[in-house]
Amino acid sequence: MRVAIDDELTIVTASSYRETLLSALRDASDVRVELSGISDLDTAGLQVLLLMRDEAARRHVPVEFTSPSGAVAEVLALTGVVL
């Protein structure tokens, strides 16, 4: 299943995207999360991505995060987080 995030992933939208991503884990045997449309990423949004990564591992569902936008790449570089 492919999930695209085409918005900011911040405290304002994190709850909604959290539900979208966790729902994808329940409904698919593998998930690809397209990150190129993320215009802004804060720590709440990063927490959602980390939750997705960790929950996928717990459920043994392969997840791939693809095409990080500049905003995503910057936050990942600053924090040292590997998705």
PDB file of N, CA and C in Angstrom:
ATOM      1  N   MET A   1       0.846  -1.176   0.000  1.00  0.00           N
ATOM      2  CA  MET A   1       0.000   0.000   0.000  1.00  0.00           C
ATOM      3  C   MET A   1       0.894   1.243   0.000  1.00  0.00           C
ATOM      4  N   ARG A   2       0.503   2.227  -0.779  1.00  0.00           N
ATOM      5  CA  ARG A   2       1.237   3.495  -0.842  1.00  0.00           C
ATOM      6  C   ARG A   2       0.442   4.565  -0.104  1.00  0.00           C
ATOM      7  N   VAL A   3       1.140   5.309   0.762  1.00  0.00           N
ATOM      8  CA  VAL A   3       0.539   6.436   1.476  1.00  0.00           C
ATOM      9  C   VAL A   3       1.393   7.662   1.187  1.00  0.00           C
ATOM     10  N   ALA A   4       0.775   8.717   0.684  1.00  0.00           N
ATOM     11  CA  ALA A   4       1.495   9.959   0.410  1.00  0.00           C
ATOM     12  C   ALA A   4       1.061  11.025   1.405  1.00  0.00           C
ATOM     13  N   ILE A   5       2.040  11.738   1.919  1.00  0.00           N
ATOM     14  CA  ILE A   5       1.756  12.863   2.806  1.00  0.00           C
ATOM     15  C   ILE A   5       2.057  14.128   2.018  1.00  0.00           C
ATOM     16  N   ASP A   6       1.024  14.857   1.682  1.00  0.00           N
ATOM     17  CA  ASP A   6       1.149  16.055   0.854  1.00  0.00           C
ATOM     18  C   ASP A   6       0.703  17.281   1.627  1.00  0.00           C
ATOM     19  N   ASP A   7       1.390  17.541   2.724  1.00  0.00           N
ATOM     20  CA  ASP A   7       0.990  18.618   3.621  1.00  0.00           C
ATOM     21  C   ASP A   7       2.136  18.809   4.605  1.00  0.00           C
ATOM     22  N   GLU A   8       1.947  19.688   5.544  1.00  0.00           N
ATOM     23  CA  GLU A   8       2.897  19.759   6.655  1.00  0.00           C
ATOM     24  C   GLU A   8       2.627  18.577   7.574  1.00  0.00           C
ATOM     25  N   LEU A   9       3.645  18.118   8.236  1.00  0.00           N
ATOM     26  CA  LEU A   9       3.489  17.070   9.251  1.00  0.00           C
ATOM     27  C   LEU A   9       3.991  17.681  10.545  1.00  0.00           C
ATOM     28  N   THR A  10       3.068  18.378  11.205  1.00  0.00           N
ATOM     29  CA  THR A  10       3.379  19.152  12.403  1.00  0.00           C
ATOM     30  C   THR A  10       2.349  18.826  13.482  1.00  0.00           C
ATOM     31  N   ILE A  11       2.461  19.489  14.599  1.00  0.00           N
ATOM     32  CA  ILE A  11       1.525  19.264  15.698  1.00  0.00           C
ATOM     33  C   ILE A  11       0.079  19.477  15.255  1.00  0.00           C
ATOM     34  N   VAL A  12      -0.122  20.305  14.252  1.00  0.00           N
ATOM     35  CA  VAL A  12      -1.473  20.590  13.763  1.00  0.00           C
ATOM     36  C   VAL A  12      -2.076  19.397  13.024  1.00  0.00           C
ATOM     37  N   THR A  13      -1.256  18.652  12.286  1.00  0.00           N
ATOM     38  CA  THR A  13      -1.756  17.554  11.454  1.00  0.00           C
ATOM     39  C   THR A  13      -1.335  16.167  11.931  1.00  0.00           C
ATOM     40  N   ALA A  14      -0.473  16.093  12.931  1.00  0.00           N
ATOM     41  CA  ALA A  14       0.119  14.817  13.349  1.00  0.00           C
ATOM     42  C   ALA A  14      -0.932  13.776  13.728  1.00  0.00           C
ATOM     43  N   SER A  15      -1.938  14.156  14.458  1.00  0.00           N
ATOM     44  CA  SER A  15      -2.951  13.198  14.906  1.00  0.00           C
ATOM     45  C   SER A  15      -3.664  12.552  13.726  1.00  0.00           C
ATOM     46  N   SER A  16      -4.026  13.348  12.763  1.00  0.00           N
ATOM     47  CA  SER A  16      -4.722  12.830  11.584  1.00  0.00           C
ATOM     48  C   SER A  16      -3.828  11.871  10.801  1.00  0.00           C
ATOM     49  N   TYR A  17      -2.578  12.264  10.569  1.00  0.00           N
ATOM     50  CA  TYR A  17      -1.670  11.391   9.825  1.00  0.00           C
ATOM     51  C   TYR A  17      -1.297  10.154  10.624  1.00  0.00           C
ATOM     52  N   ARG A  18      -1.270  10.264  11.926  1.00  0.00           N
ATOM     53  CA  ARG A  18      -0.999   9.091  12.770  1.00  0.00           C
ATOM     54  C   ARG A  18      -2.046   8.020  12.494  1.00  0.00           C
ATOM     55  N   GLU A  19      -3.305   8.408  12.488  1.00  0.00           N
ATOM     56  CA  GLU A  19      -4.383   7.456  12.225  1.00  0.00           C
ATOM     57  C   GLU A  19      -4.306   6.895  10.806  1.00  0.00           C
ATOM     58  N   THR A  20      -3.998   7.738   9.836  1.00  0.00           N
ATOM     59  CA  THR A  20      -3.881   7.288   8.450  1.00  0.00           C
ATOM     60  C   THR A  20      -2.783   6.241   8.303  1.00  0.00           C
ATOM     61  N   LEU A  21      -1.627   6.511   8.899  1.00  0.00           N
ATOM     62  CA  LEU A  21      -0.498   5.592   8.774  1.00  0.00           C
ATOM     63  C   LEU A  21      -0.730   4.288   9.524  1.00  0.00           C
ATOM     64  N   LEU A  22      -1.268   4.364  10.727  1.00  0.00           N
ATOM     65  CA  LEU A  22      -1.537   3.141  11.479  1.00  0.00           C
ATOM     66  C   LEU A  22      -2.629   2.307  10.816  1.00  0.00           C
ATOM     67  N   SER A  23      -3.582   2.949  10.200  1.00  0.00           N
ATOM     68  CA  SER A  23      -4.609   2.232   9.445  1.00  0.00           C
ATOM     69  C   SER A  23      -3.992   1.484   8.271  1.00  0.00           C
ATOM     70  N   ALA A  24      -3.042   2.097   7.603  1.00  0.00           N
ATOM     71  CA  ALA A  24      -2.356   1.429   6.489  1.00  0.00           C
ATOM     72  C   ALA A  24      -1.652   0.172   6.972  1.00  0.00           C
ATOM     73  N   LEU A  25      -1.075   0.207   8.167  1.00  0.00           N
ATOM     74  CA  LEU A  25      -0.416  -0.975   8.721  1.00  0.00           C
ATOM     75  C   LEU A  25      -1.409  -2.103   8.978  1.00  0.00           C
ATOM     76  N   ARG A  26      -2.605  -1.753   9.380  1.00  0.00           N
ATOM     77  CA  ARG A  26      -3.621  -2.773   9.656  1.00  0.00           C
ATOM     78  C   ARG A  26      -4.135  -3.417   8.374  1.00  0.00           C
ATOM     79  N   ASP A  27      -4.112  -2.661   7.274  1.00  0.00           N
ATOM     80  CA  ASP A  27      -4.778  -3.098   6.055  1.00  0.00           C
ATOM     81  C   ASP A  27      -3.851  -3.644   4.976  1.00  0.00           C
ATOM     82  N   ALA A  28      -2.544  -3.627   5.186  1.00  0.00           N
ATOM     83  CA  ALA A  28      -1.636  -3.993   4.099  1.00  0.00           C
ATOM     84  C   ALA A  28      -0.555  -4.951   4.575  1.00  0.00           C
ATOM     85  N   SER A  29       0.013  -5.658   3.608  1.00  0.00           N
ATOM     86  CA  SER A  29       1.122  -6.561   3.930  1.00  0.00           C
ATOM     87  C   SER A  29       2.464  -5.841   3.845  1.00  0.00           C
ATOM     88  N   ASP A  30       2.484  -4.691   3.198  1.00  0.00           N
ATOM     89  CA  ASP A  30       3.652  -3.820   3.181  1.00  0.00           C
ATOM     90  C   ASP A  30       3.181  -2.399   2.893  1.00  0.00           C
ATOM     91  N   VAL A  31       3.957  -1.414   3.340  1.00  0.00           N
ATOM     92  CA  VAL A  31       3.543  -0.013   3.216  1.00  0.00           C
ATOM     93  C   VAL A  31       4.720   0.804   2.698  1.00  0.00           C
ATOM     94  N   ARG A  32       4.419   1.671   1.752  1.00  0.00           N
ATOM     95  CA  ARG A  32       5.394   2.634   1.238  1.00  0.00           C
ATOM     96  C   ARG A  32       4.861   4.029   1.560  1.00  0.00           C
ATOM     97  N   VAL A  33       5.649   4.807   2.306  1.00  0.00           N
ATOM     98  CA  VAL A  33       5.227   6.150   2.712  1.00  0.00           C
ATOM     99  C   VAL A  33       6.023   7.169   1.910  1.00  0.00           C
ATOM    100  N   GLU A  34       5.336   7.914   1.082  1.00  0.00           N
ATOM    101  CA  GLU A  34       5.940   8.923   0.203  1.00  0.00           C
ATOM    102  C   GLU A  34       6.056  10.229   0.981  1.00  0.00           C
ATOM    103  N   LEU A  35       7.289  10.703   1.170  1.00  0.00           N
ATOM    104  CA  LEU A  35       7.557  11.881   1.997  1.00  0.00           C
ATOM    105  C   LEU A  35       7.862  13.152   1.193  1.00  0.00           C
ATOM    106  N   SER A  36       7.819  13.083  -0.115  1.00  0.00           N
ATOM    107  CA  SER A  36       8.230  14.237  -0.931  1.00  0.00           C
ATOM    108  C   SER A  36       7.293  15.434  -0.819  1.00  0.00           C
ATOM    109  N   GLY A  37       6.051  15.216  -0.413  1.00  0.00           N
ATOM    110  CA  GLY A  37       5.088  16.308  -0.327  1.00  0.00           C
ATOM    111  C   GLY A  37       5.049  17.011   1.019  1.00  0.00           C
ATOM    112  N   ILE A  38       5.903  16.610   1.957  1.00  0.00           N
ATOM    113  CA  ILE A  38       5.895  17.233   3.276  1.00  0.00           C
ATOM    114  C   ILE A  38       6.591  18.589   3.204  1.00  0.00           C
ATOM    115  N   SER A  39       5.828  19.636   3.491  1.00  0.00           N
ATOM    116  CA  SER A  39       6.361  20.999   3.388  1.00  0.00           C
ATOM    117  C   SER A  39       7.012  21.484   4.678  1.00  0.00           C
ATOM    118  N   ASP A  40       6.631  20.889   5.809  1.00  0.00           N
ATOM    119  CA  ASP A  40       7.185  21.282   7.110  1.00  0.00           C
ATOM    120  C   ASP A  40       7.088  20.077   8.029  1.00  0.00           C
ATOM    121  N   LEU A  41       8.126  19.842   8.822  1.00  0.00           N
ATOM    122  CA  LEU A  41       8.158  18.723   9.753  1.00  0.00           C
ATOM    123  C   LEU A  41       8.680  19.213  11.090  1.00  0.00           C
ATOM    124  N   ASP A  42       7.892  18.996  12.154  1.00  0.00           N
ATOM    125  CA  ASP A  42       8.354  19.349  13.496  1.00  0.00           C
ATOM    126  C   ASP A  42       8.486  18.078  14.325  1.00  0.00           C
ATOM    127  N   THR A  43       8.746  18.213  15.610  1.00  0.00           N
ATOM    128  CA  THR A  43       8.978  17.031  16.436  1.00  0.00           C
ATOM    129  C   THR A  43       7.724  16.159  16.571  1.00  0.00           C
ATOM    130  N   ALA A  44       6.552  16.749  16.545  1.00  0.00           N
ATOM    131  CA  ALA A  44       5.323  15.946  16.588  1.00  0.00           C
ATOM    132  C   ALA A  44       5.210  15.086  15.335  1.00  0.00           C
ATOM    133  N   GLY A  45       5.528  15.667  14.203  1.00  0.00           N
ATOM    134  CA  GLY A  45       5.501  14.911  12.947  1.00  0.00           C
ATOM    135  C   GLY A  45       6.565  13.832  12.925  1.00  0.00           C
ATOM    136  N   LEU A  46       7.747  14.147  13.430  1.00  0.00           N
ATOM    137  CA  LEU A  46       8.814  13.154  13.504  1.00  0.00           C
ATOM    138  C   LEU A  46       8.387  11.987  14.390  1.00  0.00           C
ATOM    139  N   GLN A  47       7.718  12.277  15.484  1.00  0.00           N
ATOM    140  CA  GLN A  47       7.222  11.218  16.364  1.00  0.00           C
ATOM    141  C   GLN A  47       6.253  10.298  15.631  1.00  0.00           C
ATOM    142  N   VAL A  48       5.431  10.846  14.763  1.00  0.00           N
ATOM    143  CA  VAL A  48       4.494  10.027  13.991  1.00  0.00           C
ATOM    144  C   VAL A  48       5.266   9.085  13.064  1.00  0.00           C
ATOM    145  N   LEU A  49       6.284   9.601  12.400  1.00  0.00           N
ATOM    146  CA  LEU A  49       7.078   8.750  11.512  1.00  0.00           C
ATOM    147  C   LEU A  49       7.810   7.663  12.290  1.00  0.00           C
ATOM    148  N   LEU A  50       8.338   8.005  13.455  1.00  0.00           N
ATOM    149  CA  LEU A  50       9.019   7.007  14.283  1.00  0.00           C
ATOM    150  C   LEU A  50       8.035   5.964  14.814  1.00  0.00           C
ATOM    151  N   LEU A  51       6.841   6.392  15.190  1.00  0.00           N
ATOM    152  CA  LEU A  51       5.821   5.454  15.612  1.00  0.00           C
ATOM    153  C   LEU A  51       5.491   4.482  14.483  1.00  0.00           C
ATOM    154  N   MET A  52       5.357   4.998  13.282  1.00  0.00           N
ATOM    155  CA  MET A  52       5.069   4.154  12.120  1.00  0.00           C
ATOM    156  C   MET A  52       6.183   3.135  11.919  1.00  0.00           C
ATOM    157  N   ARG A  53       7.413   3.594  11.964  1.00  0.00           N
ATOM    158  CA  ARG A  53       8.565   2.696  11.802  1.00  0.00           C
ATOM    159  C   ARG A  53       8.556   1.602  12.863  1.00  0.00           C
ATOM    160  N   ASP A  54       8.386   1.997  14.113  1.00  0.00           N
ATOM    161  CA  ASP A  54       8.451   1.041  15.219  1.00  0.00           C
ATOM    162  C   ASP A  54       7.258   0.090  15.237  1.00  0.00           C
ATOM    163  N   GLU A  55       6.084   0.607  14.949  1.00  0.00           N
ATOM    164  CA  GLU A  55       4.887  -0.241  14.933  1.00  0.00           C
ATOM    165  C   GLU A  55       4.945  -1.235  13.770  1.00  0.00           C
ATOM    166  N   ALA A  56       5.463  -0.803  12.638  1.00  0.00           N
ATOM    167  CA  ALA A  56       5.626  -1.724  11.506  1.00  0.00           C
ATOM    168  C   ALA A  56       6.586  -2.857  11.872  1.00  0.00           C
ATOM    169  N   ALA A  57       7.670  -2.521  12.533  1.00  0.00           N
ATOM    170  CA  ALA A  57       8.623  -3.552  12.961  1.00  0.00           C
ATOM    171  C   ALA A  57       7.957  -4.505  13.950  1.00  0.00           C
ATOM    172  N   ARG A  58       7.194  -3.966  14.872  1.00  0.00           N
ATOM    173  CA  ARG A  58       6.519  -4.799  15.864  1.00  0.00           C
ATOM    174  C   ARG A  58       5.538  -5.770  15.215  1.00  0.00           C
ATOM    175  N   ARG A  59       4.873  -5.309  14.166  1.00  0.00           N
ATOM    176  CA  ARG A  59       3.876  -6.137  13.467  1.00  0.00           C
ATOM    177  C   ARG A  59       4.489  -6.972  12.338  1.00  0.00           C
ATOM    178  N   HIS A  60       5.782  -6.808  12.115  1.00  0.00           N
ATOM    179  CA  HIS A  60       6.477  -7.511  11.027  1.00  0.00           C
ATOM    180  C   HIS A  60       5.897  -7.145   9.659  1.00  0.00           C
ATOM    181  N   VAL A  61       5.581  -5.874   9.497  1.00  0.00           N
ATOM    182  CA  VAL A  61       5.090  -5.351   8.223  1.00  0.00           C
ATOM    183  C   VAL A  61       6.201  -4.495   7.625  1.00  0.00           C
ATOM    184  N   PRO A  62       6.698  -4.858   6.446  1.00  0.00           N
ATOM    185  CA  PRO A  62       7.727  -4.029   5.827  1.00  0.00           C
ATOM    186  C   PRO A  62       7.200  -2.622   5.533  1.00  0.00           C
ATOM    187  N   VAL A  63       7.981  -1.613   5.892  1.00  0.00           N
ATOM    188  CA  VAL A  63       7.621  -0.228   5.590  1.00  0.00           C
ATOM    189  C   VAL A  63       8.829   0.447   4.969  1.00  0.00           C
ATOM    190  N   GLU A  64       8.563   1.234   3.942  1.00  0.00           N
ATOM    191  CA  GLU A  64       9.623   1.974   3.252  1.00  0.00           C
ATOM    192  C   GLU A  64       9.215   3.450   3.217  1.00  0.00           C
ATOM    193  N   PHE A  65      10.118   4.309   3.652  1.00  0.00           N
ATOM    194  CA  PHE A  65       9.909   5.754   3.580  1.00  0.00           C
ATOM    195  C   PHE A  65      10.688   6.247   2.369  1.00  0.00           C
ATOM    196  N   THR A  66      10.004   6.881   1.411  1.00  0.00           N
ATOM    197  CA  THR A  66      10.644   7.237   0.155  1.00  0.00           C
ATOM    198  C   THR A  66      10.632   8.740  -0.103  1.00  0.00           C
ATOM    199  N   SER A  67      11.593   9.177  -0.865  1.00  0.00           N
ATOM    200  CA  SER A  67      11.671  10.536  -1.411  1.00  0.00           C
ATOM    201  C   SER A  67      11.452  11.633  -0.374  1.00  0.00           C
ATOM    202  N   PRO A  68      12.268  11.687   0.661  1.00  0.00           N
ATOM    203  CA  PRO A  68      12.069  12.747   1.658  1.00  0.00           C
ATOM    204  C   PRO A  68      12.231  14.140   1.045  1.00  0.00           C
ATOM    205  N   SER A  69      11.322  15.017   1.393  1.00  0.00           N
ATOM    206  CA  SER A  69      11.417  16.413   0.942  1.00  0.00           C
ATOM    207  C   SER A  69      12.601  17.077   1.634  1.00  0.00           C
ATOM    208  N   GLY A  70      12.923  18.282   1.232  1.00  0.00           N
ATOM    209  CA  GLY A  70      13.991  19.034   1.876  1.00  0.00           C
ATOM    210  C   GLY A  70      13.731  19.233   3.358  1.00  0.00           C
ATOM    211  N   ALA A  71      12.469  19.505   3.706  1.00  0.00           N
ATOM    212  CA  ALA A  71      12.114  19.704   5.115  1.00  0.00           C
ATOM    213  C   ALA A  71      12.353  18.439   5.927  1.00  0.00           C
ATOM    214  N   VAL A  72      12.006  17.302   5.363  1.00  0.00           N
ATOM    215  CA  VAL A  72      12.211  16.025   6.053  1.00  0.00           C
ATOM    216  C   VAL A  72      13.702  15.719   6.163  1.00  0.00           C
ATOM    217  N   ALA A  73      14.415  15.868   5.069  1.00  0.00           N
ATOM    218  CA  ALA A  73      15.855  15.581   5.071  1.00  0.00           C
ATOM    219  C   ALA A  73      16.596  16.449   6.098  1.00  0.00           C
ATOM    220  N   GLU A  74      16.194  17.703   6.206  1.00  0.00           N
ATOM    221  CA  GLU A  74      16.835  18.604   7.165  1.00  0.00           C
ATOM    222  C   GLU A  74      16.621  18.131   8.599  1.00  0.00           C
ATOM    223  N   VAL A  75      15.404  17.773   8.944  1.00  0.00           N
ATOM    224  CA  VAL A  75      15.108  17.315  10.309  1.00  0.00           C
ATOM    225  C   VAL A  75      15.830  16.001  10.594  1.00  0.00           C
ATOM    226  N   LEU A  76      15.838  15.091   9.641  1.00  0.00           N
ATOM    227  CA  LEU A  76      16.523  13.813   9.850  1.00  0.00           C
ATOM    228  C   LEU A  76      18.023  14.037  10.045  1.00  0.00           C
ATOM    229  N   ALA A  77      18.602  14.938   9.276  1.00  0.00           N
ATOM    230  CA  ALA A  77      20.023  15.226   9.412  1.00  0.00           C
ATOM    231  C   ALA A  77      20.333  15.871  10.766  1.00  0.00           C
ATOM    232  N   LEU A  78      19.491  16.794  11.182  1.00  0.00           N
ATOM    233  CA  LEU A  78      19.709  17.468  12.473  1.00  0.00           C
ATOM    234  C   LEU A  78      19.585  16.531  13.662  1.00  0.00           C
ATOM    235  N   THR A  79      18.671  15.573  13.553  1.00  0.00           N
ATOM    236  CA  THR A  79      18.406  14.685  14.679  1.00  0.00           C
ATOM    237  C   THR A  79      19.197  13.381  14.624  1.00  0.00           C
ATOM    238  N   GLY A  80      19.719  13.054  13.445  1.00  0.00           N
ATOM    239  CA  GLY A  80      20.431  11.790  13.291  1.00  0.00           C
ATOM    240  C   GLY A  80      19.492  10.586  13.190  1.00  0.00           C
ATOM    241  N   VAL A  81      18.221  10.839  12.998  1.00  0.00           N
ATOM    242  CA  VAL A  81      17.236   9.754  12.906  1.00  0.00           C
ATOM    243  C   VAL A  81      17.331   9.088  11.540  1.00  0.00           C
ATOM    244  N   VAL A  82      17.265   7.760  11.566  1.00  0.00           N
ATOM    245  CA  VAL A  82      17.237   6.977  10.332  1.00  0.00           C
ATOM    246  C   VAL A  82      15.894   6.287  10.263  1.00  0.00           C
ATOM    247  N   LEU A  83      15.190   6.558   9.181  1.00  0.00           N
ATOM    248  CA  LEU A  83      13.902   5.878   8.978  1.00  0.00           C
ATOM    249  C   LEU A  83      14.180   4.681   8.142  1.00  0.00           C
TER     250      LEU A  83
END
